[in-house]
Amino acid sequence: MAEITNEFLLERINQQFGESIRSSETPYDMLTLVIDPAKVEDIMEFLFKDNLLRFRFLTDVCGSHHPDIAGQELCVIYHLQSMENNIRLRLKAFVPVDSPEIPSVTSLYASANWMERETYDFYGIQFTGHPNLARILNVDEMDYFPLRKEYPLEDGTREDKADQYFGR
């Protein structure tokens, strides 16, 4: 079997979902695609079931918060691996903070269950179709999502944190 390159992978995905691919880049030699969040299930099902690509291992699902990108403040990041082809792929899907919904991929990858719950717990991203989307690491009573960049990193009232002590 021929080696699957990032270029071949991008072309194969573009053939099926060209209109759903918003951008692509290859940082650190890993193909990274920004995709339409409504097509997450379709794209991942194709990657999973394609007899040539065989992306059958979901390494990670996580989130990130980008408050400066209006209408795309929250991002869900998926890392997939094809063990047979020894190639990895990163998918990113941006959703608005006022409607943070994206389809769950637990029907394809059982491992997504825990990771989607964790991403919900820390960023508030709603994975529609998830079998049990509930907090998993934080207390149920928590009424905010701690990894969003909505809070200052330092307490401005603390005098031991004054700039003069840090050479600023």
N, C-alpha and C. Protein backbone atom coordinates (compact mmCIF):
# COMPACT_ATOMS: atom_id res chain seq x y z
N MET A 1 0.84 -1.18 0.00
CA MET A 1 0.00 0.00 0.00
C MET A 1 0.89 1.24 0.00
N ALA A 2 0.52 2.22 -0.81
CA ALA A 2 1.28 3.46 -0.90
C ALA A 2 1.08 4.31 0.35
N GLU A 3 2.10 5.08 0.66
CA GLU A 3 2.02 5.97 1.82
C GLU A 3 0.99 7.07 1.56
N ILE A 4 0.18 7.35 2.56
CA ILE A 4 -0.81 8.43 2.45
C ILE A 4 -0.16 9.71 2.96
N THR A 5 -0.09 10.69 2.10
CA THR A 5 0.51 11.98 2.45
C THR A 5 -0.57 12.97 2.85
N ASN A 6 -0.15 14.06 3.47
CA ASN A 6 -1.09 15.12 3.83
C ASN A 6 -1.77 15.69 2.59
N GLU A 7 -1.04 15.80 1.51
CA GLU A 7 -1.60 16.34 0.26
C GLU A 7 -2.69 15.42 -0.28
N PHE A 8 -2.40 14.10 -0.28
CA PHE A 8 -3.40 13.13 -0.75
C PHE A 8 -4.63 13.15 0.14
N LEU A 9 -4.41 13.21 1.45
CA LEU A 9 -5.51 13.24 2.41
C LEU A 9 -6.39 14.48 2.19
N LEU A 10 -5.76 15.63 2.03
CA LEU A 10 -6.52 16.87 1.79
C LEU A 10 -7.33 16.77 0.50
N GLU A 11 -6.74 16.23 -0.55
CA GLU A 11 -7.44 16.09 -1.82
C GLU A 11 -8.63 15.13 -1.69
N ARG A 12 -8.44 14.04 -0.99
CA ARG A 12 -9.51 13.04 -0.82
C ARG A 12 -10.69 13.63 -0.03
N ILE A 13 -10.39 14.38 1.02
CA ILE A 13 -11.44 15.01 1.81
C ILE A 13 -12.13 16.12 1.00
N ASN A 14 -11.33 16.89 0.27
CA ASN A 14 -11.90 17.95 -0.57
C ASN A 14 -12.85 17.41 -1.64
N GLN A 15 -12.56 16.24 -2.17
CA GLN A 15 -13.43 15.63 -3.17
C GLN A 15 -14.82 15.38 -2.61
N GLN A 16 -14.91 15.00 -1.36
CA GLN A 16 -16.18 14.68 -0.72
C GLN A 16 -16.85 15.89 -0.07
N PHE A 17 -16.04 16.76 0.53
CA PHE A 17 -16.59 17.82 1.38
C PHE A 17 -15.97 19.18 1.11
N GLY A 18 -15.58 19.45 -0.12
CA GLY A 18 -14.90 20.70 -0.45
C GLY A 18 -15.58 21.95 0.07
N GLU A 19 -16.91 21.99 -0.03
CA GLU A 19 -17.65 23.17 0.41
C GLU A 19 -17.68 23.31 1.93
N SER A 20 -17.36 22.25 2.65
CA SER A 20 -17.39 22.26 4.11
C SER A 20 -16.02 22.50 4.74
N ILE A 21 -14.98 22.58 3.90
CA ILE A 21 -13.63 22.84 4.38
C ILE A 21 -13.39 24.34 4.28
N ARG A 22 -13.22 24.99 5.41
CA ARG A 22 -13.06 26.45 5.42
C ARG A 22 -11.63 26.89 5.24
N SER A 23 -10.68 26.08 5.75
CA SER A 23 -9.26 26.38 5.55
C SER A 23 -8.45 25.14 5.89
N SER A 24 -7.18 25.17 5.48
CA SER A 24 -6.28 24.07 5.80
C SER A 24 -4.87 24.62 5.98
N GLU A 25 -4.13 23.95 6.83
CA GLU A 25 -2.72 24.25 7.05
C GLU A 25 -2.04 22.99 7.55
N THR A 26 -0.72 23.02 7.64
CA THR A 26 0.01 21.83 8.06
C THR A 26 1.08 22.18 9.10
N PRO A 27 0.68 22.63 10.29
CA PRO A 27 1.68 22.92 11.31
C PRO A 27 2.30 21.62 11.85
N TYR A 28 3.61 21.65 12.01
CA TYR A 28 4.34 20.49 12.53
C TYR A 28 4.01 19.21 11.76
N ASP A 29 3.79 19.36 10.47
CA ASP A 29 3.54 18.25 9.55
C ASP A 29 2.26 17.47 9.86
N MET A 30 1.29 18.12 10.53
CA MET A 30 -0.01 17.50 10.75
C MET A 30 -1.07 18.32 10.03
N LEU A 31 -1.76 17.69 9.09
CA LEU A 31 -2.81 18.37 8.36
C LEU A 31 -3.89 18.83 9.34
N THR A 32 -4.25 20.11 9.27
CA THR A 32 -5.25 20.70 10.14
C THR A 32 -6.30 21.37 9.27
N LEU A 33 -7.54 20.94 9.43
CA LEU A 33 -8.64 21.49 8.65
C LEU A 33 -9.62 22.20 9.55
N VAL A 34 -10.04 23.38 9.14
CA VAL A 34 -11.14 24.06 9.81
C VAL A 34 -12.38 23.72 8.99
N ILE A 35 -13.37 23.12 9.66
CA ILE A 35 -14.54 22.59 8.95
C ILE A 35 -15.83 23.23 9.45
N ASP A 36 -16.86 23.09 8.64
CA ASP A 36 -18.20 23.54 9.00
C ASP A 36 -18.70 22.67 10.16
N PRO A 37 -19.07 23.26 11.30
CA PRO A 37 -19.50 22.45 12.44
C PRO A 37 -20.71 21.57 12.16
N ALA A 38 -21.56 21.97 11.24
CA ALA A 38 -22.74 21.16 10.91
C ALA A 38 -22.36 19.86 10.19
N LYS A 39 -21.15 19.80 9.65
CA LYS A 39 -20.71 18.63 8.88
C LYS A 39 -19.74 17.73 9.65
N VAL A 40 -19.56 17.98 10.93
CA VAL A 40 -18.61 17.20 11.72
C VAL A 40 -18.91 15.70 11.64
N GLU A 41 -20.15 15.33 11.88
CA GLU A 41 -20.51 13.90 11.84
C GLU A 41 -20.24 13.29 10.47
N ASP A 42 -20.65 13.98 9.42
CA ASP A 42 -20.48 13.44 8.07
C ASP A 42 -19.01 13.26 7.70
N ILE A 43 -18.20 14.26 8.01
CA ILE A 43 -16.78 14.19 7.68
C ILE A 43 -16.10 13.09 8.47
N MET A 44 -16.40 13.01 9.77
CA MET A 44 -15.75 11.99 10.59
C MET A 44 -16.23 10.59 10.23
N GLU A 45 -17.48 10.45 9.85
CA GLU A 45 -17.97 9.14 9.41
C GLU A 45 -17.24 8.72 8.13
N PHE A 46 -17.06 9.65 7.20
CA PHE A 46 -16.31 9.35 5.98
C PHE A 46 -14.89 8.91 6.32
N LEU A 47 -14.20 9.66 7.20
CA LEU A 47 -12.83 9.32 7.58
C LEU A 47 -12.75 7.96 8.25
N PHE A 48 -13.75 7.64 9.06
CA PHE A 48 -13.79 6.37 9.78
C PHE A 48 -14.04 5.20 8.83
N LYS A 49 -15.01 5.36 7.93
CA LYS A 49 -15.46 4.23 7.10
C LYS A 49 -14.70 4.07 5.79
N ASP A 50 -13.99 5.10 5.36
CA ASP A 50 -13.25 5.01 4.10
C ASP A 50 -12.21 3.89 4.19
N ASN A 51 -12.28 2.94 3.27
CA ASN A 51 -11.40 1.76 3.30
C ASN A 51 -9.94 2.08 3.06
N LEU A 52 -9.66 3.22 2.48
CA LEU A 52 -8.28 3.62 2.25
C LEU A 52 -7.72 4.43 3.42
N LEU A 53 -8.51 5.36 3.94
CA LEU A 53 -8.02 6.26 4.99
C LEU A 53 -8.02 5.61 6.37
N ARG A 54 -9.13 5.03 6.79
CA ARG A 54 -9.25 4.27 8.05
C ARG A 54 -8.85 5.06 9.31
N PHE A 55 -9.44 6.23 9.49
CA PHE A 55 -9.21 6.99 10.72
C PHE A 55 -10.13 6.44 11.79
N ARG A 56 -9.69 5.40 12.47
CA ARG A 56 -10.53 4.68 13.42
C ARG A 56 -10.13 4.90 14.88
N PHE A 57 -9.20 5.82 15.10
CA PHE A 57 -8.77 6.10 16.47
C PHE A 57 -8.92 7.60 16.73
N LEU A 58 -9.80 7.94 17.66
CA LEU A 58 -9.98 9.32 18.10
C LEU A 58 -9.05 9.56 19.28
N THR A 59 -8.00 10.30 19.05
CA THR A 59 -6.99 10.54 20.08
C THR A 59 -7.48 11.52 21.13
N ASP A 60 -8.16 12.60 20.66
CA ASP A 60 -8.53 13.64 21.60
C ASP A 60 -9.67 14.49 21.04
N VAL A 61 -10.48 14.98 21.95
CA VAL A 61 -11.46 16.03 21.66
C VAL A 61 -11.24 17.08 22.75
N CYS A 62 -11.07 18.32 22.36
CA CYS A 62 -10.89 19.37 23.35
C CYS A 62 -11.47 20.67 22.81
N GLY A 63 -11.45 21.69 23.62
CA GLY A 63 -12.00 22.97 23.22
C GLY A 63 -10.99 24.07 23.38
N SER A 64 -11.33 25.23 22.84
CA SER A 64 -10.56 26.45 23.07
C SER A 64 -11.50 27.64 22.93
N HIS A 65 -11.12 28.72 23.57
CA HIS A 65 -11.96 29.92 23.58
C HIS A 65 -11.19 31.06 22.91
N HIS A 66 -11.83 31.68 21.92
CA HIS A 66 -11.23 32.77 21.17
C HIS A 66 -12.20 33.96 21.21
N PRO A 67 -12.21 34.72 22.30
CA PRO A 67 -13.20 35.78 22.47
C PRO A 67 -13.10 36.89 21.43
N ASP A 68 -11.98 37.00 20.75
CA ASP A 68 -11.79 38.07 19.76
C ASP A 68 -12.33 37.71 18.37
N ILE A 69 -12.78 36.49 18.16
CA ILE A 69 -13.31 36.09 16.85
C ILE A 69 -14.83 36.09 16.94
N ALA A 70 -15.44 37.17 16.53
CA ALA A 70 -16.89 37.34 16.65
C ALA A 70 -17.64 36.26 15.87
N GLY A 71 -18.57 35.60 16.56
CA GLY A 71 -19.40 34.56 15.93
C GLY A 71 -18.73 33.20 15.86
N GLN A 72 -17.47 33.13 16.26
CA GLN A 72 -16.72 31.87 16.26
C GLN A 72 -15.84 31.79 17.51
N GLU A 73 -16.43 32.14 18.62
CA GLU A 73 -15.64 32.27 19.85
C GLU A 73 -15.15 30.94 20.42
N LEU A 74 -15.93 29.87 20.23
CA LEU A 74 -15.55 28.58 20.79
C LEU A 74 -15.14 27.63 19.67
N CYS A 75 -14.15 26.82 19.95
CA CYS A 75 -13.63 25.88 18.96
C CYS A 75 -13.58 24.49 19.56
N VAL A 76 -14.04 23.50 18.78
CA VAL A 76 -13.88 22.10 19.16
C VAL A 76 -12.78 21.54 18.27
N ILE A 77 -11.81 20.89 18.89
CA ILE A 77 -10.66 20.35 18.17
C ILE A 77 -10.65 18.84 18.32
N TYR A 78 -10.56 18.15 17.18
CA TYR A 78 -10.52 16.69 17.15
C TYR A 78 -9.16 16.25 16.61
N HIS A 79 -8.55 15.28 17.26
CA HIS A 79 -7.33 14.66 16.75
C HIS A 79 -7.66 13.21 16.40
N LEU A 80 -7.45 12.87 15.14
CA LEU A 80 -7.73 11.52 14.65
C LEU A 80 -6.44 10.87 14.18
N GLN A 81 -6.41 9.54 14.25
CA GLN A 81 -5.24 8.82 13.76
C GLN A 81 -5.67 7.58 12.99
N SER A 82 -4.97 7.35 11.90
CA SER A 82 -5.12 6.11 11.15
C SER A 82 -3.90 5.26 11.49
N MET A 83 -4.10 4.26 12.33
CA MET A 83 -2.99 3.41 12.75
C MET A 83 -2.39 2.65 11.56
N GLU A 84 -3.27 2.16 10.67
CA GLU A 84 -2.81 1.39 9.53
C GLU A 84 -1.94 2.21 8.59
N ASN A 85 -2.26 3.51 8.47
CA ASN A 85 -1.54 4.39 7.55
C ASN A 85 -0.51 5.27 8.24
N ASN A 86 -0.45 5.21 9.55
CA ASN A 86 0.49 6.00 10.33
C ASN A 86 0.41 7.49 9.97
N ILE A 87 -0.81 8.01 10.02
CA ILE A 87 -1.00 9.43 9.73
C ILE A 87 -2.03 10.00 10.70
N ARG A 88 -1.82 11.26 11.05
CA ARG A 88 -2.72 11.94 11.98
C ARG A 88 -3.39 13.11 11.28
N LEU A 89 -4.52 13.53 11.83
CA LEU A 89 -5.31 14.61 11.27
C LEU A 89 -5.95 15.40 12.40
N ARG A 90 -5.93 16.73 12.26
CA ARG A 90 -6.59 17.59 13.23
C ARG A 90 -7.74 18.29 12.53
N LEU A 91 -8.92 18.25 13.15
CA LEU A 91 -10.09 18.97 12.65
C LEU A 91 -10.49 20.01 13.68
N LYS A 92 -10.83 21.21 13.20
CA LYS A 92 -11.30 22.27 14.08
C LYS A 92 -12.65 22.76 13.57
N ALA A 93 -13.56 22.97 14.49
CA ALA A 93 -14.88 23.50 14.13
C ALA A 93 -15.22 24.61 15.11
N PHE A 94 -15.47 25.81 14.59
CA PHE A 94 -15.78 26.97 15.42
C PHE A 94 -17.28 27.16 15.53
N VAL A 95 -17.74 27.49 16.75
CA VAL A 95 -19.16 27.74 17.00
C VAL A 95 -19.29 29.05 17.79
N PRO A 96 -20.42 29.73 17.64
CA PRO A 96 -20.61 30.98 18.39
C PRO A 96 -20.87 30.73 19.87
N VAL A 97 -20.40 31.63 20.70
CA VAL A 97 -20.57 31.47 22.15
C VAL A 97 -22.04 31.59 22.56
N ASP A 98 -22.85 32.29 21.78
CA ASP A 98 -24.26 32.43 22.14
C ASP A 98 -25.10 31.24 21.69
N SER A 99 -24.53 30.33 20.91
CA SER A 99 -25.21 29.11 20.49
C SER A 99 -24.16 28.01 20.29
N PRO A 100 -23.54 27.57 21.38
CA PRO A 100 -22.40 26.65 21.27
C PRO A 100 -22.82 25.19 21.08
N GLU A 101 -23.35 24.87 19.91
CA GLU A 101 -23.81 23.51 19.64
C GLU A 101 -23.06 22.89 18.49
N ILE A 102 -22.76 21.60 18.64
CA ILE A 102 -22.09 20.83 17.60
C ILE A 102 -22.53 19.37 17.77
N PRO A 103 -22.65 18.62 16.70
CA PRO A 103 -23.09 17.22 16.83
C PRO A 103 -22.06 16.37 17.59
N SER A 104 -22.56 15.45 18.38
CA SER A 104 -21.71 14.49 19.08
C SER A 104 -21.20 13.44 18.09
N VAL A 105 -20.01 12.93 18.34
CA VAL A 105 -19.48 11.84 17.50
C VAL A 105 -19.38 10.54 18.30
N THR A 106 -20.14 10.44 19.39
CA THR A 106 -20.09 9.23 20.21
C THR A 106 -20.61 8.00 19.47
N SER A 107 -21.44 8.19 18.44
CA SER A 107 -21.93 7.04 17.68
C SER A 107 -20.82 6.40 16.86
N LEU A 108 -19.78 7.16 16.52
CA LEU A 108 -18.63 6.62 15.78
C LEU A 108 -17.51 6.19 16.70
N TYR A 109 -17.23 7.01 17.69
CA TYR A 109 -16.11 6.78 18.60
C TYR A 109 -16.63 6.76 20.03
N ALA A 110 -16.61 5.60 20.66
CA ALA A 110 -17.06 5.50 22.05
C ALA A 110 -16.20 6.37 22.96
N SER A 111 -14.93 6.52 22.62
CA SER A 111 -14.03 7.33 23.44
C SER A 111 -14.42 8.80 23.47
N ALA A 112 -15.23 9.25 22.52
CA ALA A 112 -15.67 10.65 22.50
C ALA A 112 -16.56 10.98 23.69
N ASN A 113 -17.19 9.97 24.28
CA ASN A 113 -18.13 10.20 25.37
C ASN A 113 -17.50 11.02 26.49
N TRP A 114 -16.42 10.54 27.04
CA TRP A 114 -15.77 11.22 28.16
C TRP A 114 -15.21 12.56 27.71
N MET A 115 -14.56 12.59 26.54
CA MET A 115 -13.90 13.81 26.08
C MET A 115 -14.90 14.91 25.75
N GLU A 116 -16.05 14.57 25.20
CA GLU A 116 -17.08 15.58 24.94
C GLU A 116 -17.65 16.11 26.25
N ARG A 117 -17.82 15.25 27.23
CA ARG A 117 -18.31 15.70 28.54
C ARG A 117 -17.31 16.66 29.18
N GLU A 118 -16.04 16.35 29.07
CA GLU A 118 -15.00 17.22 29.63
C GLU A 118 -15.00 18.58 28.92
N THR A 119 -15.12 18.57 27.59
CA THR A 119 -15.15 19.82 26.83
C THR A 119 -16.38 20.65 27.19
N TYR A 120 -17.51 19.99 27.36
CA TYR A 120 -18.71 20.68 27.83
C TYR A 120 -18.47 21.28 29.21
N ASP A 121 -17.90 20.50 30.09
CA ASP A 121 -17.68 20.90 31.48
C ASP A 121 -16.82 22.17 31.58
N PHE A 122 -15.81 22.29 30.73
CA PHE A 122 -14.89 23.41 30.83
C PHE A 122 -15.21 24.58 29.90
N TYR A 123 -15.91 24.32 28.79
CA TYR A 123 -16.18 25.39 27.82
C TYR A 123 -17.66 25.65 27.57
N GLY A 124 -18.54 24.75 27.98
CA GLY A 124 -19.97 24.94 27.79
C GLY A 124 -20.46 24.59 26.39
N ILE A 125 -19.67 23.86 25.64
CA ILE A 125 -20.07 23.47 24.28
C ILE A 125 -21.05 22.31 24.38
N GLN A 126 -22.22 22.47 23.76
CA GLN A 126 -23.29 21.47 23.79
C GLN A 126 -23.09 20.48 22.64
N PHE A 127 -22.87 19.22 22.96
CA PHE A 127 -22.72 18.18 21.95
C PHE A 127 -24.09 17.53 21.76
N THR A 128 -24.79 17.93 20.72
CA THR A 128 -26.15 17.43 20.49
C THR A 128 -26.10 15.95 20.13
N GLY A 129 -26.98 15.19 20.74
CA GLY A 129 -27.02 13.76 20.52
C GLY A 129 -26.13 12.96 21.47
N HIS A 130 -25.46 13.64 22.37
CA HIS A 130 -24.61 12.95 23.35
C HIS A 130 -25.51 12.18 24.31
N PRO A 131 -25.17 10.94 24.67
CA PRO A 131 -26.05 10.13 25.52
C PRO A 131 -26.16 10.60 26.98
N ASN A 132 -25.18 11.38 27.47
CA ASN A 132 -25.24 11.81 28.87
C ASN A 132 -24.36 13.04 29.06
N LEU A 133 -24.73 14.14 28.44
CA LEU A 133 -23.92 15.35 28.52
C LEU A 133 -24.14 16.03 29.86
N ALA A 134 -23.25 15.73 30.79
CA ALA A 134 -23.31 16.30 32.14
C ALA A 134 -21.89 16.59 32.59
N ARG A 135 -21.77 17.43 33.59
CA ARG A 135 -20.43 17.74 34.12
C ARG A 135 -19.76 16.45 34.56
N ILE A 136 -18.43 16.42 34.37
CA ILE A 136 -17.71 15.19 34.70
C ILE A 136 -16.55 15.44 35.66
N LEU A 137 -15.98 16.64 35.68
CA LEU A 137 -14.86 16.93 36.57
C LEU A 137 -15.17 18.05 37.57
N ASN A 138 -16.03 18.97 37.18
CA ASN A 138 -16.41 20.07 38.08
C ASN A 138 -17.72 19.72 38.80
N VAL A 139 -17.99 20.45 39.85
CA VAL A 139 -19.21 20.20 40.62
C VAL A 139 -20.44 20.59 39.80
N ASP A 140 -21.52 19.89 40.01
CA ASP A 140 -22.75 20.13 39.25
C ASP A 140 -23.30 21.54 39.47
N GLU A 141 -23.05 22.12 40.64
CA GLU A 141 -23.59 23.44 40.97
C GLU A 141 -22.86 24.57 40.27
N MET A 142 -21.73 24.29 39.64
CA MET A 142 -20.95 25.35 39.00
C MET A 142 -21.79 25.98 37.89
N ASP A 143 -21.90 27.30 37.90
CA ASP A 143 -22.75 27.99 36.93
C ASP A 143 -21.93 28.75 35.87
N TYR A 144 -20.68 28.37 35.70
CA TYR A 144 -19.83 28.99 34.68
C TYR A 144 -18.91 27.91 34.12
N PHE A 145 -18.16 28.27 33.08
CA PHE A 145 -17.27 27.32 32.42
C PHE A 145 -15.85 27.84 32.57
N PRO A 146 -15.05 27.21 33.44
CA PRO A 146 -13.81 27.80 33.92
C PRO A 146 -12.69 28.02 32.91
N LEU A 147 -12.71 27.37 31.76
CA LEU A 147 -11.62 27.60 30.82
C LEU A 147 -11.93 28.66 29.76
N ARG A 148 -13.09 29.27 29.85
CA ARG A 148 -13.36 30.41 28.99
C ARG A 148 -12.56 31.61 29.48
N LYS A 149 -12.13 32.43 28.58
CA LYS A 149 -11.30 33.59 28.92
C LYS A 149 -12.17 34.77 29.30
N GLU A 150 -13.00 34.60 30.30
CA GLU A 150 -13.92 35.64 30.73
C GLU A 150 -13.51 36.29 32.04
N TYR A 151 -12.45 35.80 32.64
CA TYR A 151 -12.05 36.28 33.95
C TYR A 151 -10.59 36.70 33.91
N PRO A 152 -10.21 37.73 34.68
CA PRO A 152 -8.81 38.14 34.70
C PRO A 152 -7.94 37.04 35.30
N LEU A 153 -6.72 36.94 34.81
CA LEU A 153 -5.82 35.92 35.31
C LEU A 153 -5.32 36.20 36.73
N GLU A 154 -5.25 37.47 37.08
CA GLU A 154 -4.76 37.83 38.40
C GLU A 154 -5.78 38.69 39.13
N ASP A 155 -5.76 38.61 40.41
CA ASP A 155 -6.63 39.43 41.24
C ASP A 155 -6.00 40.82 41.36
N GLY A 156 -6.67 41.80 40.79
CA GLY A 156 -6.14 43.16 40.77
C GLY A 156 -6.04 43.83 42.13
N THR A 157 -6.65 43.27 43.15
CA THR A 157 -6.61 43.89 44.49
C THR A 157 -5.43 43.41 45.32
N ARG A 158 -4.70 42.42 44.84
CA ARG A 158 -3.57 41.89 45.63
C ARG A 158 -2.36 42.79 45.47
N GLU A 159 -1.81 43.25 46.60
CA GLU A 159 -0.66 44.14 46.56
C GLU A 159 0.64 43.41 46.32
N ASP A 160 0.69 42.11 46.64
CA ASP A 160 1.93 41.36 46.42
C ASP A 160 2.13 41.02 44.93
N LYS A 161 1.16 41.37 44.11
CA LYS A 161 1.27 41.13 42.67
C LYS A 161 1.56 42.41 41.89
N ALA A 162 1.95 43.47 42.58
CA ALA A 162 2.21 44.76 41.93
C ALA A 162 3.35 44.62 40.92
N ASP A 163 3.27 45.34 39.84
CA ASP A 163 4.26 45.29 38.77
C ASP A 163 5.68 45.54 39.26
N GLN A 164 5.83 46.42 40.26
CA GLN A 164 7.16 46.77 40.74
C GLN A 164 7.93 45.57 41.25
N TYR A 165 7.22 44.55 41.73
CA TYR A 165 7.89 43.35 42.25
C TYR A 165 8.36 42.41 41.15
N PHE A 166 7.92 42.64 39.95
CA PHE A 166 8.22 41.74 38.83
C PHE A 166 9.02 42.43 37.73
N GLY A 167 9.55 43.62 38.02
CA GLY A 167 10.36 44.32 37.05
C GLY A 167 9.57 44.89 35.89
N ARG A 168 8.26 45.10 36.12
CA ARG A 168 7.42 45.67 35.05
C ARG A 168 7.16 47.12 35.32
